[in-house]
Amino acid sequence: MTSSPHGTIERTPEGGIVRFDRHLAFPIGEVWASITEPTRLADWWPPFAADISVDLREGGSLVFAWPDMDFPTLEFRIVRLEAPTLLEHTHTSPGSWMRWELESVPTGTRLRATYFVPDVDMAIERGDVLGLHHSLDRLEPALDGRPQAWDNDAFNALRAIYAGLTEAQPRA
């Protein structure tokens, strides 16, 4: 499969699966650290400053608290863990989940991020899918030691891309 920055959306009777396939020119251990260590996560995933804690074990959690925002704390439960190649956890909507699969390749790491949501349209409208895409765009610079601030213009430009992806697909 060719790596692409854009996610693919598959509608299912249960909801939808959004997949991202990225090639990162960094060793698997560095990518794993960036998706599992609080200070590394803070460099690329959240849109604004967060207090992040990670209890890295099955049954453990990833917690995002927002000290400067009136926003609910997000807590994701870890359901599968096979360091350094697989992390699966719950996500924001009831029944949703994320799977991070890492594969060492000769030129770095292949990252496959899979996001299941019960309602694809709501996840796009609410910004979950767009936020994941934009965060993944910020991962490589963070790995390179050049974390980039959240860019609302880039985030908003993704709306048209994902609206086009969903309009082209029949509803389940």
N, C-alpha and C. Protein backbone atom coordinates (compact mmCIF):
# COMPACT_ATOMS: atom_id res chain seq x y z
N MET A 1 0.84 -1.18 0.00
CA MET A 1 0.00 0.00 0.00
C MET A 1 0.88 1.24 0.00
N THR A 2 0.52 2.21 -0.80
CA THR A 2 1.25 3.46 -0.85
C THR A 2 0.83 4.36 0.30
N SER A 3 1.81 4.97 0.92
CA SER A 3 1.53 5.88 2.03
C SER A 3 0.88 7.15 1.49
N SER A 4 -0.11 7.65 2.21
CA SER A 4 -0.81 8.87 1.82
C SER A 4 -1.13 9.67 3.07
N PRO A 5 -1.06 10.99 2.98
CA PRO A 5 -1.39 11.77 4.17
C PRO A 5 -2.88 11.77 4.48
N HIS A 6 -3.71 11.53 3.47
CA HIS A 6 -5.15 11.57 3.68
C HIS A 6 -5.67 10.24 4.18
N GLY A 7 -6.65 10.32 5.04
CA GLY A 7 -7.27 9.12 5.54
C GLY A 7 -8.25 8.55 4.53
N THR A 8 -8.53 7.26 4.68
CA THR A 8 -9.59 6.64 3.91
C THR A 8 -10.74 6.37 4.86
N ILE A 9 -11.93 6.43 4.34
CA ILE A 9 -13.12 6.22 5.16
C ILE A 9 -13.90 5.05 4.60
N GLU A 10 -14.18 4.09 5.47
CA GLU A 10 -14.99 2.94 5.09
C GLU A 10 -16.23 2.93 5.97
N ARG A 11 -17.37 3.04 5.35
CA ARG A 11 -18.62 2.97 6.11
C ARG A 11 -18.96 1.51 6.37
N THR A 12 -19.38 1.22 7.59
CA THR A 12 -19.78 -0.12 7.97
C THR A 12 -21.17 -0.04 8.59
N PRO A 13 -21.86 -1.16 8.73
CA PRO A 13 -23.17 -1.12 9.40
C PRO A 13 -23.07 -0.60 10.84
N GLU A 14 -21.89 -0.76 11.48
CA GLU A 14 -21.71 -0.32 12.86
C GLU A 14 -21.27 1.13 12.96
N GLY A 15 -20.85 1.74 11.84
CA GLY A 15 -20.34 3.12 11.88
C GLY A 15 -19.37 3.34 10.75
N GLY A 16 -18.12 3.56 11.09
CA GLY A 16 -17.13 3.79 10.05
C GLY A 16 -15.72 3.61 10.57
N ILE A 17 -14.84 3.27 9.65
CA ILE A 17 -13.43 3.08 9.97
C ILE A 17 -12.64 4.09 9.15
N VAL A 18 -11.86 4.89 9.85
CA VAL A 18 -10.99 5.88 9.21
C VAL A 18 -9.57 5.36 9.37
N ARG A 19 -8.85 5.27 8.25
CA ARG A 19 -7.48 4.74 8.28
C ARG A 19 -6.50 5.76 7.73
N PHE A 20 -5.37 5.84 8.41
CA PHE A 20 -4.24 6.65 7.95
C PHE A 20 -3.04 5.72 7.83
N ASP A 21 -2.28 5.88 6.77
CA ASP A 21 -1.08 5.09 6.54
C ASP A 21 0.04 6.06 6.25
N ARG A 22 0.98 6.17 7.16
CA ARG A 22 2.06 7.15 7.04
C ARG A 22 3.41 6.45 7.12
N HIS A 23 4.34 6.93 6.33
CA HIS A 23 5.72 6.49 6.44
C HIS A 23 6.49 7.59 7.17
N LEU A 24 7.22 7.20 8.19
CA LEU A 24 7.99 8.14 8.98
C LEU A 24 9.46 7.72 8.94
N ALA A 25 10.34 8.61 8.59
CA ALA A 25 11.76 8.31 8.43
C ALA A 25 12.49 8.31 9.77
N PHE A 26 11.91 7.59 10.73
CA PHE A 26 12.47 7.51 12.07
C PHE A 26 12.34 6.07 12.55
N PRO A 27 13.25 5.62 13.42
CA PRO A 27 13.17 4.25 13.92
C PRO A 27 11.90 4.00 14.73
N ILE A 28 11.48 2.76 14.75
CA ILE A 28 10.23 2.38 15.41
C ILE A 28 10.23 2.79 16.89
N GLY A 29 11.37 2.71 17.57
CA GLY A 29 11.42 3.10 18.98
C GLY A 29 11.11 4.57 19.19
N GLU A 30 11.54 5.42 18.27
CA GLU A 30 11.25 6.85 18.36
C GLU A 30 9.76 7.12 18.13
N VAL A 31 9.19 6.44 17.15
CA VAL A 31 7.76 6.63 16.86
C VAL A 31 6.94 6.10 18.03
N TRP A 32 7.31 4.93 18.56
CA TRP A 32 6.60 4.37 19.71
C TRP A 32 6.63 5.35 20.88
N ALA A 33 7.79 5.92 21.16
CA ALA A 33 7.91 6.88 22.26
C ALA A 33 6.99 8.08 22.02
N SER A 34 6.87 8.50 20.78
CA SER A 34 6.04 9.67 20.46
C SER A 34 4.55 9.42 20.63
N ILE A 35 4.14 8.15 20.58
CA ILE A 35 2.71 7.87 20.78
C ILE A 35 2.39 7.35 22.18
N THR A 36 3.44 7.15 23.01
CA THR A 36 3.18 6.58 24.34
C THR A 36 3.74 7.40 25.51
N GLU A 37 4.63 8.33 25.26
CA GLU A 37 5.21 9.11 26.36
C GLU A 37 4.54 10.48 26.44
N PRO A 38 4.08 10.87 27.62
CA PRO A 38 3.33 12.13 27.76
C PRO A 38 3.99 13.36 27.15
N THR A 39 5.26 13.57 27.43
CA THR A 39 5.90 14.78 26.90
C THR A 39 6.03 14.73 25.38
N ARG A 40 6.21 13.55 24.84
CA ARG A 40 6.31 13.40 23.39
C ARG A 40 4.93 13.57 22.74
N LEU A 41 3.90 13.00 23.36
CA LEU A 41 2.53 13.17 22.85
C LEU A 41 2.14 14.64 22.80
N ALA A 42 2.54 15.38 23.82
CA ALA A 42 2.18 16.80 23.91
C ALA A 42 2.74 17.61 22.75
N ASP A 43 3.81 17.11 22.12
CA ASP A 43 4.42 17.83 21.00
C ASP A 43 3.61 17.79 19.72
N TRP A 44 2.67 16.82 19.60
CA TRP A 44 2.02 16.69 18.29
C TRP A 44 0.53 16.36 18.33
N TRP A 45 0.02 15.72 19.37
CA TRP A 45 -1.36 15.26 19.27
C TRP A 45 -2.39 16.32 19.67
N PRO A 46 -2.33 16.88 20.87
CA PRO A 46 -3.42 17.79 21.25
C PRO A 46 -3.33 19.14 20.54
N PRO A 47 -4.49 19.77 20.35
CA PRO A 47 -4.52 21.08 19.67
C PRO A 47 -4.07 22.23 20.55
N PHE A 48 -4.06 22.03 21.86
CA PHE A 48 -3.61 23.08 22.77
C PHE A 48 -2.98 22.43 23.99
N ALA A 49 -2.39 23.24 24.85
CA ALA A 49 -1.63 22.72 26.00
C ALA A 49 -2.46 21.73 26.80
N ALA A 50 -1.83 20.60 27.12
CA ALA A 50 -2.52 19.55 27.86
C ALA A 50 -1.59 18.97 28.91
N ASP A 51 -2.18 18.58 30.03
CA ASP A 51 -1.48 17.76 31.01
C ASP A 51 -1.83 16.32 30.63
N ILE A 52 -0.82 15.57 30.22
CA ILE A 52 -1.04 14.22 29.71
C ILE A 52 -0.41 13.22 30.67
N SER A 53 -1.15 12.17 30.96
CA SER A 53 -0.58 11.06 31.73
C SER A 53 -0.88 9.77 30.98
N VAL A 54 0.05 8.83 31.07
CA VAL A 54 -0.09 7.55 30.39
C VAL A 54 0.26 6.44 31.38
N ASP A 55 -0.66 5.51 31.54
CA ASP A 55 -0.43 4.29 32.31
C ASP A 55 -0.36 3.19 31.27
N LEU A 56 0.86 2.92 30.78
CA LEU A 56 1.07 2.09 29.60
C LEU A 56 1.02 0.60 29.94
N ARG A 57 -0.20 0.10 30.00
CA ARG A 57 -0.46 -1.33 30.23
C ARG A 57 -1.89 -1.60 29.80
N GLU A 58 -2.19 -2.85 29.46
CA GLU A 58 -3.59 -3.17 29.16
C GLU A 58 -4.41 -2.87 30.40
N GLY A 59 -5.50 -2.15 30.21
CA GLY A 59 -6.31 -1.70 31.33
C GLY A 59 -5.90 -0.33 31.84
N GLY A 60 -4.72 0.14 31.42
CA GLY A 60 -4.24 1.46 31.79
C GLY A 60 -4.95 2.52 30.96
N SER A 61 -4.46 3.75 31.03
CA SER A 61 -5.17 4.82 30.34
C SER A 61 -4.22 5.89 29.81
N LEU A 62 -4.73 6.64 28.86
CA LEU A 62 -4.13 7.88 28.38
C LEU A 62 -5.10 8.96 28.81
N VAL A 63 -4.62 9.97 29.52
CA VAL A 63 -5.50 11.02 30.03
C VAL A 63 -4.99 12.37 29.53
N PHE A 64 -5.91 13.15 28.97
CA PHE A 64 -5.61 14.50 28.49
C PHE A 64 -6.47 15.47 29.29
N ALA A 65 -5.82 16.27 30.13
CA ALA A 65 -6.50 17.32 30.89
C ALA A 65 -6.06 18.66 30.32
N TRP A 66 -6.94 19.62 30.34
CA TRP A 66 -6.71 20.92 29.67
C TRP A 66 -6.67 22.02 30.71
N PRO A 67 -5.50 22.34 31.26
CA PRO A 67 -5.41 23.30 32.36
C PRO A 67 -5.84 24.71 31.98
N ASP A 68 -5.72 25.08 30.72
CA ASP A 68 -6.04 26.44 30.30
C ASP A 68 -7.37 26.54 29.55
N MET A 69 -8.11 25.45 29.51
CA MET A 69 -9.35 25.42 28.72
C MET A 69 -10.50 24.89 29.58
N ASP A 70 -11.68 25.39 29.30
CA ASP A 70 -12.88 24.84 29.93
C ASP A 70 -13.36 23.71 29.02
N PHE A 71 -12.69 22.58 29.12
CA PHE A 71 -12.92 21.46 28.22
C PHE A 71 -12.84 20.19 29.06
N PRO A 72 -13.72 19.22 28.83
CA PRO A 72 -13.68 18.01 29.67
C PRO A 72 -12.38 17.22 29.48
N THR A 73 -11.92 16.64 30.56
CA THR A 73 -10.77 15.74 30.51
C THR A 73 -11.13 14.54 29.65
N LEU A 74 -10.19 14.14 28.79
CA LEU A 74 -10.40 12.96 27.96
C LEU A 74 -9.60 11.81 28.56
N GLU A 75 -10.25 10.66 28.73
CA GLU A 75 -9.57 9.48 29.23
C GLU A 75 -9.86 8.33 28.30
N PHE A 76 -8.78 7.76 27.77
CA PHE A 76 -8.87 6.63 26.85
C PHE A 76 -8.32 5.40 27.56
N ARG A 77 -9.07 4.31 27.54
CA ARG A 77 -8.65 3.06 28.19
C ARG A 77 -7.86 2.22 27.19
N ILE A 78 -6.69 1.72 27.60
CA ILE A 78 -5.86 0.87 26.75
C ILE A 78 -6.43 -0.55 26.78
N VAL A 79 -6.76 -1.06 25.60
CA VAL A 79 -7.36 -2.40 25.51
C VAL A 79 -6.41 -3.44 24.93
N ARG A 80 -5.41 -3.00 24.15
CA ARG A 80 -4.39 -3.92 23.62
C ARG A 80 -3.06 -3.20 23.59
N LEU A 81 -2.00 -3.94 23.94
CA LEU A 81 -0.68 -3.35 23.97
C LEU A 81 0.34 -4.43 23.66
N GLU A 82 1.11 -4.18 22.60
CA GLU A 82 2.22 -5.06 22.22
C GLU A 82 3.39 -4.15 21.84
N ALA A 83 4.10 -3.67 22.85
CA ALA A 83 5.19 -2.72 22.62
C ALA A 83 6.28 -3.38 21.77
N PRO A 84 6.85 -2.71 20.81
CA PRO A 84 6.58 -1.35 20.32
C PRO A 84 5.81 -1.34 19.00
N THR A 85 4.88 -2.27 18.84
CA THR A 85 4.21 -2.35 17.53
C THR A 85 2.71 -2.12 17.55
N LEU A 86 2.06 -2.18 18.71
CA LEU A 86 0.60 -2.06 18.73
C LEU A 86 0.12 -1.40 20.01
N LEU A 87 -0.72 -0.39 19.82
CA LEU A 87 -1.41 0.25 20.93
C LEU A 87 -2.85 0.46 20.47
N GLU A 88 -3.79 -0.06 21.24
CA GLU A 88 -5.21 0.14 20.93
C GLU A 88 -5.89 0.65 22.19
N HIS A 89 -6.72 1.69 22.00
CA HIS A 89 -7.40 2.29 23.14
C HIS A 89 -8.77 2.82 22.72
N THR A 90 -9.61 3.03 23.72
CA THR A 90 -10.90 3.66 23.46
C THR A 90 -10.66 5.09 23.01
N HIS A 91 -11.72 5.73 22.52
CA HIS A 91 -11.59 7.13 22.12
C HIS A 91 -12.78 7.91 22.65
N THR A 92 -13.05 9.10 22.12
CA THR A 92 -13.99 10.03 22.75
C THR A 92 -15.44 9.59 22.73
N SER A 93 -15.95 9.10 21.64
CA SER A 93 -17.37 8.70 21.56
C SER A 93 -17.54 7.30 22.13
N PRO A 94 -18.65 7.04 22.82
CA PRO A 94 -18.90 5.68 23.29
C PRO A 94 -18.83 4.70 22.11
N GLY A 95 -18.07 3.62 22.30
CA GLY A 95 -17.94 2.61 21.25
C GLY A 95 -16.82 2.90 20.26
N SER A 96 -16.18 4.06 20.33
CA SER A 96 -15.11 4.37 19.38
C SER A 96 -13.77 3.85 19.93
N TRP A 97 -12.84 3.63 19.03
CA TRP A 97 -11.51 3.18 19.42
C TRP A 97 -10.48 3.61 18.40
N MET A 98 -9.21 3.59 18.84
CA MET A 98 -8.05 3.91 18.00
C MET A 98 -7.08 2.75 18.09
N ARG A 99 -6.48 2.42 16.95
CA ARG A 99 -5.42 1.41 16.91
C ARG A 99 -4.21 2.03 16.21
N TRP A 100 -3.07 1.96 16.85
CA TRP A 100 -1.79 2.44 16.31
C TRP A 100 -0.94 1.20 16.03
N GLU A 101 -0.63 0.95 14.76
CA GLU A 101 0.22 -0.18 14.39
C GLU A 101 1.51 0.37 13.78
N LEU A 102 2.63 -0.10 14.31
CA LEU A 102 3.93 0.34 13.83
C LEU A 102 4.68 -0.86 13.25
N GLU A 103 5.31 -0.62 12.12
CA GLU A 103 6.09 -1.66 11.46
C GLU A 103 7.43 -1.06 11.07
N SER A 104 8.50 -1.72 11.50
CA SER A 104 9.83 -1.27 11.11
C SER A 104 10.04 -1.63 9.64
N VAL A 105 10.46 -0.64 8.86
CA VAL A 105 10.77 -0.82 7.44
C VAL A 105 12.18 -0.29 7.21
N PRO A 106 12.83 -0.70 6.11
CA PRO A 106 14.22 -0.28 5.91
C PRO A 106 14.46 1.23 5.98
N THR A 107 13.46 2.02 5.64
CA THR A 107 13.65 3.48 5.63
C THR A 107 13.01 4.18 6.83
N GLY A 108 12.62 3.43 7.85
CA GLY A 108 12.03 4.04 9.03
C GLY A 108 10.91 3.20 9.62
N THR A 109 9.75 3.81 9.75
CA THR A 109 8.60 3.16 10.37
C THR A 109 7.35 3.43 9.55
N ARG A 110 6.57 2.39 9.34
CA ARG A 110 5.24 2.55 8.76
C ARG A 110 4.26 2.62 9.93
N LEU A 111 3.48 3.70 9.96
CA LEU A 111 2.47 3.89 10.99
C LEU A 111 1.11 3.76 10.34
N ARG A 112 0.32 2.84 10.86
CA ARG A 112 -1.08 2.71 10.42
C ARG A 112 -1.94 3.06 11.63
N ALA A 113 -2.69 4.13 11.49
CA ALA A 113 -3.61 4.57 12.54
C ALA A 113 -5.02 4.28 12.06
N THR A 114 -5.75 3.50 12.84
CA THR A 114 -7.12 3.13 12.50
C THR A 114 -8.04 3.68 13.59
N TYR A 115 -9.09 4.36 13.15
CA TYR A 115 -10.01 5.02 14.09
C TYR A 115 -11.42 4.53 13.75
N PHE A 116 -12.04 3.81 14.68
CA PHE A 116 -13.43 3.38 14.48
C PHE A 116 -14.35 4.36 15.21
N VAL A 117 -15.38 4.81 14.49
CA VAL A 117 -16.37 5.70 15.08
C VAL A 117 -17.77 5.19 14.76
N PRO A 118 -18.69 5.28 15.71
CA PRO A 118 -20.06 4.85 15.44
C PRO A 118 -20.77 5.73 14.41
N ASP A 119 -20.36 6.99 14.28
CA ASP A 119 -20.99 7.92 13.34
C ASP A 119 -19.91 8.74 12.65
N VAL A 120 -19.56 8.34 11.41
CA VAL A 120 -18.48 9.00 10.67
C VAL A 120 -18.79 10.47 10.45
N ASP A 121 -20.00 10.78 10.03
CA ASP A 121 -20.34 12.17 9.73
C ASP A 121 -20.19 13.06 10.96
N MET A 122 -20.64 12.55 12.11
CA MET A 122 -20.50 13.33 13.34
C MET A 122 -19.02 13.51 13.69
N ALA A 123 -18.20 12.46 13.51
CA ALA A 123 -16.78 12.55 13.83
C ALA A 123 -16.07 13.55 12.93
N ILE A 124 -16.51 13.68 11.69
CA ILE A 124 -15.93 14.67 10.79
C ILE A 124 -16.43 16.06 11.17
N GLU A 125 -17.73 16.18 11.35
CA GLU A 125 -18.32 17.49 11.69
C GLU A 125 -17.76 18.03 13.00
N ARG A 126 -17.61 17.16 13.99
CA ARG A 126 -17.11 17.56 15.30
C ARG A 126 -15.62 17.88 15.26
N GLY A 127 -14.92 17.36 14.24
CA GLY A 127 -13.50 17.65 14.09
C GLY A 127 -12.58 16.53 14.52
N ASP A 128 -13.11 15.39 14.97
CA ASP A 128 -12.25 14.30 15.43
C ASP A 128 -11.33 13.79 14.32
N VAL A 129 -11.89 13.53 13.15
CA VAL A 129 -11.10 12.98 12.03
C VAL A 129 -10.13 14.03 11.53
N LEU A 130 -10.60 15.26 11.39
CA LEU A 130 -9.73 16.35 10.93
C LEU A 130 -8.59 16.58 11.92
N GLY A 131 -8.92 16.52 13.21
CA GLY A 131 -7.91 16.71 14.24
C GLY A 131 -6.86 15.62 14.20
N LEU A 132 -7.29 14.38 14.01
CA LEU A 132 -6.33 13.28 13.92
C LEU A 132 -5.42 13.48 12.72
N HIS A 133 -6.00 13.83 11.57
CA HIS A 133 -5.19 14.07 10.38
C HIS A 133 -4.16 15.17 10.65
N HIS A 134 -4.63 16.30 11.17
CA HIS A 134 -3.73 17.43 11.41
C HIS A 134 -2.66 17.07 12.45
N SER A 135 -3.04 16.33 13.47
CA SER A 135 -2.05 15.89 14.47
C SER A 135 -1.00 15.00 13.83
N LEU A 136 -1.43 14.07 12.97
CA LEU A 136 -0.46 13.21 12.29
C LEU A 136 0.47 14.02 11.39
N ASP A 137 -0.05 15.10 10.80
CA ASP A 137 0.82 15.99 10.02
C ASP A 137 1.89 16.63 10.91
N ARG A 138 1.59 16.80 12.18
CA ARG A 138 2.53 17.42 13.12
C ARG A 138 3.49 16.41 13.75
N LEU A 139 3.22 15.11 13.57
CA LEU A 139 4.05 14.08 14.19
C LEU A 139 5.47 14.07 13.63
N GLU A 140 5.63 14.09 12.32
CA GLU A 140 6.98 14.01 11.76
C GLU A 140 7.86 15.18 12.18
N PRO A 141 7.38 16.43 12.11
CA PRO A 141 8.23 17.52 12.62
C PRO A 141 8.57 17.35 14.10
N ALA A 142 7.64 16.83 14.90
CA ALA A 142 7.92 16.60 16.32
C ALA A 142 9.01 15.54 16.48
N LEU A 143 8.93 14.49 15.68
CA LEU A 143 9.97 13.45 15.72
C LEU A 143 11.33 14.03 15.35
N ASP A 144 11.33 15.01 14.48
CA ASP A 144 12.56 15.64 14.01
C ASP A 144 13.06 16.73 14.96
N GLY A 145 12.38 16.88 16.11
CA GLY A 145 12.80 17.88 17.09
C GLY A 145 12.33 19.29 16.78
N ARG A 146 11.34 19.41 15.87
CA ARG A 146 10.81 20.72 15.48
C ARG A 146 9.29 20.74 15.66
N PRO A 147 8.80 20.58 16.90
CA PRO A 147 7.34 20.57 17.08
C PRO A 147 6.70 21.82 16.47
N GLN A 148 5.55 21.62 15.85
CA GLN A 148 4.83 22.72 15.23
C GLN A 148 3.54 23.00 15.99
N ALA A 149 3.24 24.26 16.13
CA ALA A 149 2.00 24.66 16.80
C ALA A 149 0.80 24.23 15.95
N TRP A 150 -0.31 24.09 16.60
CA TRP A 150 -1.56 23.79 15.92
C TRP A 150 -1.85 24.92 14.95
N ASP A 151 -2.28 24.58 13.74
CA ASP A 151 -2.55 25.57 12.70
C ASP A 151 -4.04 25.48 12.34
N ASN A 152 -4.84 26.42 12.85
CA ASN A 152 -6.28 26.39 12.59
C ASN A 152 -6.61 26.51 11.11
N ASP A 153 -5.82 27.26 10.34
CA ASP A 153 -6.08 27.37 8.90
C ASP A 153 -5.90 26.02 8.22
N ALA A 154 -4.83 25.31 8.55
CA ALA A 154 -4.61 23.97 7.98
C ALA A 154 -5.71 23.01 8.42
N PHE A 155 -6.09 23.09 9.68
CA PHE A 155 -7.17 22.24 10.19
C PHE A 155 -8.46 22.50 9.41
N ASN A 156 -8.82 23.77 9.24
CA ASN A 156 -10.05 24.11 8.54
C ASN A 156 -10.00 23.73 7.06
N ALA A 157 -8.82 23.78 6.44
CA ALA A 157 -8.69 23.38 5.03
C ALA A 157 -8.99 21.89 4.85
N LEU A 158 -8.80 21.10 5.90
CA LEU A 158 -9.09 19.67 5.81
C LEU A 158 -10.59 19.39 5.71
N ARG A 159 -11.42 20.32 6.17
CA ARG A 159 -12.88 20.11 6.12
C ARG A 159 -13.36 19.82 4.71
N ALA A 160 -12.87 20.58 3.73
CA ALA A 160 -13.29 20.38 2.34
C ALA A 160 -12.84 19.02 1.82
N ILE A 161 -11.63 18.62 2.19
CA ILE A 161 -11.11 17.32 1.74
C ILE A 161 -12.00 16.20 2.27
N TYR A 162 -12.30 16.22 3.56
CA TYR A 162 -13.07 15.13 4.14
C TYR A 162 -14.55 15.21 3.78
N ALA A 163 -15.06 16.39 3.54
CA ALA A 163 -16.44 16.50 3.04
C ALA A 163 -16.52 15.81 1.70
N GLY A 164 -15.51 15.99 0.85
CA GLY A 164 -15.48 15.33 -0.45
C GLY A 164 -15.38 13.82 -0.33
N LEU A 165 -14.61 13.33 0.64
CA LEU A 165 -14.49 11.89 0.84
C LEU A 165 -15.81 11.28 1.28
N THR A 166 -16.55 11.96 2.16
CA THR A 166 -17.79 11.39 2.65
C THR A 166 -18.92 11.52 1.63
N GLU A 167 -18.90 12.60 0.84
CA GLU A 167 -19.95 12.77 -0.16
C GLU A 167 -19.84 11.73 -1.26
N ALA A 168 -18.62 11.24 -1.52
CA ALA A 168 -18.41 10.27 -2.58
C ALA A 168 -18.77 8.85 -2.15
N GLN A 169 -19.05 8.65 -0.87
CA GLN A 169 -19.33 7.31 -0.38
C GLN A 169 -20.78 7.16 0.02
N PRO A 170 -21.38 6.02 -0.32
CA PRO A 170 -22.77 5.78 0.09
C PRO A 170 -22.84 5.55 1.59
N ARG A 171 -23.95 5.89 2.15
CA ARG A 171 -24.17 5.68 3.58
C ARG A 171 -24.60 4.23 3.79
N ALA A 172 -24.12 3.64 4.90
CA ALA A 172 -24.45 2.24 5.21
C ALA A 172 -25.88 2.13 5.67
